[in-house]
Amino acid sequence: HAIAASRVLQVNQDREPVWQAILEQLPLPVIHPDGHLQEWLEDHEPGDPGHRHRSPLVGLCPGDRITWEDTPDYAAAARKALDLRHSHGLDRSLSLTMSWDAQMMARLYDGAAAYEQLKLILANNVMDNRLTAICDWRETGGSLRWFGDRRIFQIEAGICLAGAIAEMLMQDRGGLIRLLPALPEAWPEGRVSGLIARGGFIVALSWQKGRLREASILSQHGHVCRVRLPDGRAPRVLCEGQTVEVSAEPGGICSFQTRAGQVCRLLPSARRENPDKQS
């Protein structure tokens, strides 16, 4: 990230060789023969296999090194490591654990599993004022109860909870905007606006019966927009009422050129609509 930032900002570029040398010495995580991502370089028998920490999964979230598209073996291993944690009891969790798990499940494109984590934190840790308590204060047995019925606020859990919901609806890592990547069946219809994507894009979208109805993307800087729809098919793209050329890439990814300040509408291929009709 430091190397990428130095190139974008054109600062500290003399440090890039030093950073690159450090990067090349860092070992990659280890995948256990059983298929899960190990917590340490050496295999070991954990004393608390259901522990609330998710340190070995940082590369999946909040990092961006592990993705289904670029590192499917690591993504599968991360999912198995997360499932192993859950198999030993979610009562070893805290509010941050569940909101973090929801965001990781979203990045693994499992909307149902992400939604289950949201339900857990809402039932066990969200207080009457909508803030998140670190522990289970309702005595539901759904997470740790370190402080009895005391309600200790944990801000990062609430921030991560909002982040998880946002990433169930839109993700933007690796220069790719993914629309409805982890939509659960429990949200069959809805709409969202104001989601900020890397590259200077502002995304709004709506869906019905679990399928994307329409999306609009405001380009703030005029960069090429790369996007993937839930069905993997190229959409019709209308910018200022005119159809624009869409380039197809492997993996159901499409891209199109934008101009600064331009709003582009994306319509799933199955829809047929008057291009001049305004949203």
Protein backbone atom coordinates (compact mmCIF):
# COMPACT_ATOMS: atom_id res chain seq x y z
CA HIS A 1 0.00 0.00 0.00
CA ALA A 2 2.88 2.38 0.74
CA ILE A 3 4.43 1.61 -2.65
CA ALA A 4 1.12 2.11 -4.44
CA ALA A 5 0.49 5.39 -2.60
CA SER A 6 3.97 6.72 -3.43
CA ARG A 7 3.33 6.08 -7.12
CA VAL A 8 -0.10 7.71 -7.11
CA LEU A 9 1.01 10.74 -5.10
CA GLN A 10 4.52 10.86 -6.63
CA VAL A 11 6.15 11.25 -3.24
CA ASN A 12 8.80 9.24 -1.37
CA GLN A 13 9.62 7.30 -4.52
CA ASP A 14 13.24 7.03 -3.41
CA ARG A 15 11.99 4.76 -0.61
CA GLU A 16 10.31 2.33 -2.96
CA PRO A 17 13.36 0.01 -3.37
CA VAL A 18 13.66 -0.25 0.42
CA TRP A 19 9.96 -1.04 0.82
CA GLN A 20 10.07 -3.56 -2.01
CA ALA A 21 13.04 -5.33 -0.39
CA ILE A 22 11.13 -5.55 2.90
CA LEU A 23 8.04 -6.85 1.10
CA GLU A 24 10.01 -9.61 -0.60
CA GLN A 25 11.23 -10.87 2.78
CA LEU A 26 7.76 -11.15 4.33
CA PRO A 27 6.49 -14.74 4.33
CA LEU A 28 3.07 -15.49 2.94
CA PRO A 29 0.44 -17.13 5.19
CA VAL A 30 0.50 -20.91 5.31
CA ILE A 31 -2.37 -23.14 4.19
CA HIS A 32 -2.67 -26.22 6.41
CA PRO A 33 -2.83 -29.64 4.70
CA ASP A 34 -6.45 -29.81 5.90
CA GLY A 35 -7.17 -26.73 3.80
CA HIS A 36 -7.56 -23.96 6.39
CA LEU A 37 -5.42 -20.85 6.72
CA GLN A 38 -3.00 -21.31 9.60
CA GLU A 39 -2.69 -18.69 12.29
CA TRP A 40 1.09 -19.16 12.56
CA LEU A 41 3.84 -20.18 10.17
CA GLU A 42 4.20 -23.39 12.15
CA ASP A 43 1.25 -25.69 12.74
CA HIS A 44 0.12 -25.84 16.36
CA GLU A 45 -2.75 -27.08 18.48
CA PRO A 46 -4.76 -24.02 19.57
CA GLY A 47 -5.70 -23.83 23.23
CA ASP A 48 -8.90 -21.92 22.36
CA PRO A 49 -9.90 -22.89 18.79
CA GLY A 50 -13.03 -20.70 18.94
CA HIS A 51 -11.12 -17.60 20.03
CA ARG A 52 -12.58 -14.22 19.05
CA HIS A 53 -9.43 -12.95 17.32
CA ARG A 54 -9.28 -13.05 13.51
CA SER A 55 -5.64 -12.01 13.06
CA PRO A 56 -4.75 -14.55 10.33
CA LEU A 57 -7.63 -13.28 8.20
CA VAL A 58 -6.47 -9.66 7.98
CA GLY A 59 -5.38 -10.30 4.39
CA LEU A 60 -9.02 -10.94 3.53
CA CYS A 61 -10.44 -8.06 5.57
CA PRO A 62 -9.56 -5.26 6.10
CA GLY A 63 -6.76 -6.10 3.65
CA ASP A 64 -7.19 -6.85 -0.03
CA ARG A 65 -4.55 -9.50 -0.73
CA ILE A 66 -7.01 -12.41 -0.52
CA THR A 67 -9.86 -12.44 -3.06
CA TRP A 68 -11.85 -15.12 -4.87
CA GLU A 69 -10.75 -13.60 -8.19
CA ASP A 70 -6.98 -13.40 -7.64
CA THR A 71 -6.19 -15.93 -4.88
CA PRO A 72 -8.99 -18.52 -4.84
CA ASP A 73 -6.89 -21.02 -2.87
CA TYR A 74 -6.32 -18.50 -0.08
CA ALA A 75 -9.96 -17.39 -0.17
CA ALA A 76 -11.09 -21.01 0.30
CA ALA A 77 -8.56 -21.47 3.10
CA ALA A 78 -9.73 -18.27 4.82
CA ARG A 79 -13.33 -19.45 4.66
CA LYS A 80 -12.39 -22.81 6.16
CA ALA A 81 -10.44 -21.09 8.97
CA LEU A 82 -13.48 -18.94 9.72
CA ASP A 83 -15.78 -21.97 9.70
CA LEU A 84 -13.44 -23.73 12.13
CA ARG A 85 -13.65 -20.78 14.51
CA HIS A 86 -17.45 -20.87 14.33
CA SER A 87 -17.62 -24.63 14.83
CA HIS A 88 -16.16 -24.23 18.32
CA GLY A 89 -18.86 -21.84 19.46
CA LEU A 90 -19.94 -18.34 18.63
CA ASP A 91 -20.32 -17.72 22.36
CA ARG A 92 -16.58 -16.99 22.31
CA SER A 93 -17.25 -13.87 20.22
CA LEU A 94 -17.62 -10.17 20.89
CA SER A 95 -19.54 -7.55 18.92
CA LEU A 96 -16.49 -6.68 16.82
CA THR A 97 -15.99 -10.36 16.03
CA MET A 98 -19.47 -10.75 14.58
CA SER A 99 -19.43 -7.52 12.59
CA TRP A 100 -15.96 -8.39 11.28
CA ASP A 101 -17.16 -11.88 10.36
CA ALA A 102 -20.12 -10.35 8.51
CA GLN A 103 -17.78 -8.21 6.44
CA MET A 104 -15.50 -11.17 5.70
CA MET A 105 -18.46 -13.30 4.64
CA ALA A 106 -19.52 -10.47 2.34
CA ARG A 107 -16.07 -10.48 0.76
CA LEU A 108 -16.43 -14.22 0.30
CA TYR A 109 -19.73 -13.48 -1.50
CA ASP A 110 -21.84 -15.41 1.01
CA GLY A 111 -24.76 -13.10 1.70
CA ALA A 112 -26.65 -15.66 3.81
CA ALA A 113 -23.70 -16.16 6.18
CA ALA A 114 -23.09 -12.40 6.41
CA TYR A 115 -26.75 -11.85 7.26
CA GLU A 116 -26.61 -14.46 10.04
CA GLN A 117 -23.74 -12.55 11.65
CA LEU A 118 -25.73 -9.31 11.40
CA LYS A 119 -28.66 -10.96 13.17
CA LEU A 120 -26.37 -12.19 15.96
CA ILE A 121 -24.87 -8.79 16.71
CA LEU A 122 -28.29 -7.09 16.55
CA ALA A 123 -29.77 -9.64 18.96
CA ASN A 124 -26.88 -9.76 21.41
CA ASN A 125 -24.94 -6.52 21.32
CA VAL A 126 -26.87 -3.57 19.91
CA MET A 127 -28.28 -1.42 22.70
CA ASP A 128 -31.58 0.46 22.79
CA ASN A 129 -29.81 3.63 21.61
CA ARG A 130 -28.49 1.70 18.55
CA LEU A 131 -24.90 1.79 19.75
CA THR A 132 -22.95 -1.47 20.00
CA ALA A 133 -21.93 -2.97 23.34
CA ILE A 134 -18.74 -5.00 23.41
CA CYS A 135 -20.40 -7.96 25.18
CA ASP A 136 -23.76 -9.68 25.42
CA TRP A 137 -25.75 -7.56 27.91
CA ARG A 138 -29.10 -9.26 27.35
CA GLU A 139 -27.97 -12.66 28.69
CA THR A 140 -28.89 -14.42 25.47
CA GLY A 141 -25.75 -16.54 25.53
CA GLY A 142 -24.81 -15.42 22.05
CA SER A 143 -21.44 -13.86 22.93
CA LEU A 144 -19.04 -13.26 25.81
CA ARG A 145 -20.32 -11.60 29.01
CA TRP A 146 -17.23 -10.12 30.61
CA PHE A 147 -19.02 -7.23 32.35
CA GLY A 148 -22.32 -8.78 33.39
CA ASP A 149 -25.19 -6.51 32.43
CA ARG A 150 -22.96 -3.43 32.08
CA ARG A 151 -23.13 -1.90 28.63
CA ILE A 152 -19.62 -1.05 27.46
CA PHE A 153 -19.64 0.80 24.13
CA GLN A 154 -17.38 -0.54 21.38
CA ILE A 155 -17.20 1.96 18.53
CA GLU A 156 -15.28 -0.17 16.04
CA ALA A 157 -18.04 -2.80 16.08
CA GLY A 158 -20.62 -0.24 14.95
CA ILE A 159 -18.35 1.14 12.25
CA CYS A 160 -17.60 -2.38 11.00
CA LEU A 161 -21.32 -3.26 11.12
CA ALA A 162 -22.08 -0.40 8.72
CA GLY A 163 -19.12 -1.41 6.58
CA ALA A 164 -20.37 -5.00 6.38
CA ILE A 165 -23.81 -3.88 5.20
CA ALA A 166 -22.23 -1.58 2.61
CA GLU A 167 -20.01 -4.38 1.28
CA MET A 168 -22.95 -6.76 0.99
CA LEU A 169 -24.34 -4.24 -1.53
CA MET A 170 -21.20 -2.90 -3.22
CA GLN A 171 -17.48 -3.65 -3.14
CA ASP A 172 -14.67 -1.82 -4.88
CA ARG A 173 -11.35 -3.53 -4.24
CA GLY A 174 -8.69 -4.00 -6.92
CA GLY A 175 -10.12 -1.40 -9.27
CA LEU A 176 -13.36 -3.35 -9.70
CA ILE A 177 -16.84 -2.29 -8.59
CA ARG A 178 -18.94 -5.32 -7.66
CA LEU A 179 -22.69 -4.70 -7.50
CA LEU A 180 -24.79 -6.73 -5.02
CA PRO A 181 -21.94 -9.19 -4.39
CA ALA A 182 -23.47 -10.67 -1.22
CA LEU A 183 -27.19 -9.88 -1.25
CA PRO A 184 -29.09 -12.16 1.18
CA GLU A 185 -32.51 -13.57 0.37
CA ALA A 186 -33.82 -11.68 3.41
CA TRP A 187 -33.43 -8.43 1.43
CA PRO A 188 -35.45 -9.23 -1.73
CA GLU A 189 -35.84 -5.60 -2.73
CA GLY A 190 -34.37 -2.26 -1.83
CA ARG A 191 -32.22 0.63 -2.91
CA VAL A 192 -29.10 2.40 -1.72
CA SER A 193 -27.28 5.55 -2.76
CA GLY A 194 -24.14 7.47 -1.89
CA LEU A 195 -21.76 4.50 -1.77
CA ILE A 196 -18.26 5.81 -2.47
CA ALA A 197 -16.00 3.61 -4.60
CA ARG A 198 -12.28 3.94 -5.20
CA GLY A 199 -11.43 5.80 -8.37
CA GLY A 200 -13.80 8.66 -7.64
CA PHE A 201 -17.11 6.91 -8.31
CA ILE A 202 -20.37 7.37 -6.39
CA VAL A 203 -22.73 4.43 -6.72
CA ALA A 204 -26.50 4.13 -6.34
CA LEU A 205 -28.50 1.02 -7.14
CA SER A 206 -31.87 -0.65 -6.72
CA TRP A 207 -33.00 -4.25 -6.83
CA GLN A 208 -36.22 -6.25 -6.97
CA LYS A 209 -36.88 -9.95 -6.31
CA GLY A 210 -33.21 -10.34 -5.42
CA ARG A 211 -31.99 -9.06 -8.78
CA LEU A 212 -30.37 -5.82 -9.81
CA ARG A 213 -32.90 -3.45 -11.35
CA GLU A 214 -30.66 -0.50 -12.15
CA ALA A 215 -27.47 1.20 -11.05
CA SER A 216 -26.13 4.71 -11.57
CA ILE A 217 -22.50 5.68 -11.24
CA LEU A 218 -21.30 9.27 -10.96
CA SER A 219 -17.73 9.64 -12.20
CA GLN A 220 -15.94 12.42 -10.36
CA HIS A 221 -12.61 12.19 -12.21
CA GLY A 222 -13.37 10.62 -15.58
CA HIS A 223 -11.54 7.33 -15.07
CA VAL A 224 -12.35 4.04 -16.76
CA CYS A 225 -15.06 2.27 -14.76
CA ARG A 226 -14.72 -1.49 -14.29
CA VAL A 227 -17.81 -3.21 -12.92
CA ARG A 228 -19.30 -6.65 -12.45
CA LEU A 229 -23.02 -7.33 -12.14
CA PRO A 230 -24.41 -10.18 -10.02
CA ASP A 231 -25.29 -12.30 -13.06
CA GLY A 232 -21.89 -11.75 -14.67
CA ARG A 233 -23.44 -10.37 -17.85
CA ALA A 234 -22.49 -7.07 -19.45
CA PRO A 235 -25.08 -4.34 -18.83
CA ARG A 236 -26.35 -1.69 -21.17
CA VAL A 237 -24.63 1.54 -20.18
CA LEU A 238 -26.26 4.90 -20.87
CA CYS A 239 -24.29 8.07 -20.21
CA GLU A 240 -26.28 11.27 -20.63
CA GLY A 241 -28.93 9.27 -22.49
CA GLN A 242 -26.49 7.83 -25.01
CA THR A 243 -25.41 4.20 -25.20
CA VAL A 244 -21.66 3.85 -24.64
CA GLU A 245 -19.34 1.07 -25.72
CA VAL A 246 -18.68 -1.60 -23.11
CA SER A 247 -15.57 -3.78 -23.18
CA ALA A 248 -15.88 -7.31 -21.83
CA GLU A 249 -13.18 -8.93 -19.69
CA PRO A 250 -12.87 -12.47 -18.32
CA GLY A 251 -14.85 -13.29 -15.21
CA GLY A 252 -17.95 -11.32 -16.15
CA ILE A 253 -16.17 -7.97 -15.79
CA CYS A 254 -16.96 -5.09 -18.11
CA SER A 255 -15.43 -1.64 -18.44
CA PHE A 256 -16.32 1.68 -20.06
CA GLN A 257 -14.80 5.13 -20.32
CA THR A 258 -16.33 7.99 -18.34
CA ARG A 259 -15.98 11.76 -18.20
CA ALA A 260 -15.63 13.84 -15.06
CA GLY A 261 -19.04 14.81 -13.72
CA GLN A 262 -20.85 12.27 -15.88
CA VAL A 263 -23.62 10.03 -14.54
CA CYS A 264 -23.93 6.64 -16.22
CA ARG A 265 -26.90 4.30 -15.87
CA LEU A 266 -26.35 0.56 -15.91
CA LEU A 267 -29.26 -1.65 -16.93
CA PRO A 268 -29.11 -5.45 -16.78
CA SER A 269 -29.12 -6.97 -20.25
CA ALA A 270 -32.56 -8.55 -19.80
CA ARG A 271 -34.24 -5.14 -19.38
CA ARG A 272 -35.57 -3.29 -22.38
CA GLU A 273 -36.20 0.39 -21.84
CA ASN A 274 -36.31 3.62 -23.81
CA PRO A 275 -32.70 4.93 -23.63
CA ASP A 276 -34.02 8.49 -23.42
CA LYS A 277 -36.14 7.78 -20.33
CA GLN A 278 -34.65 9.40 -17.28
CA SER A 279 -34.41 7.62 -13.93
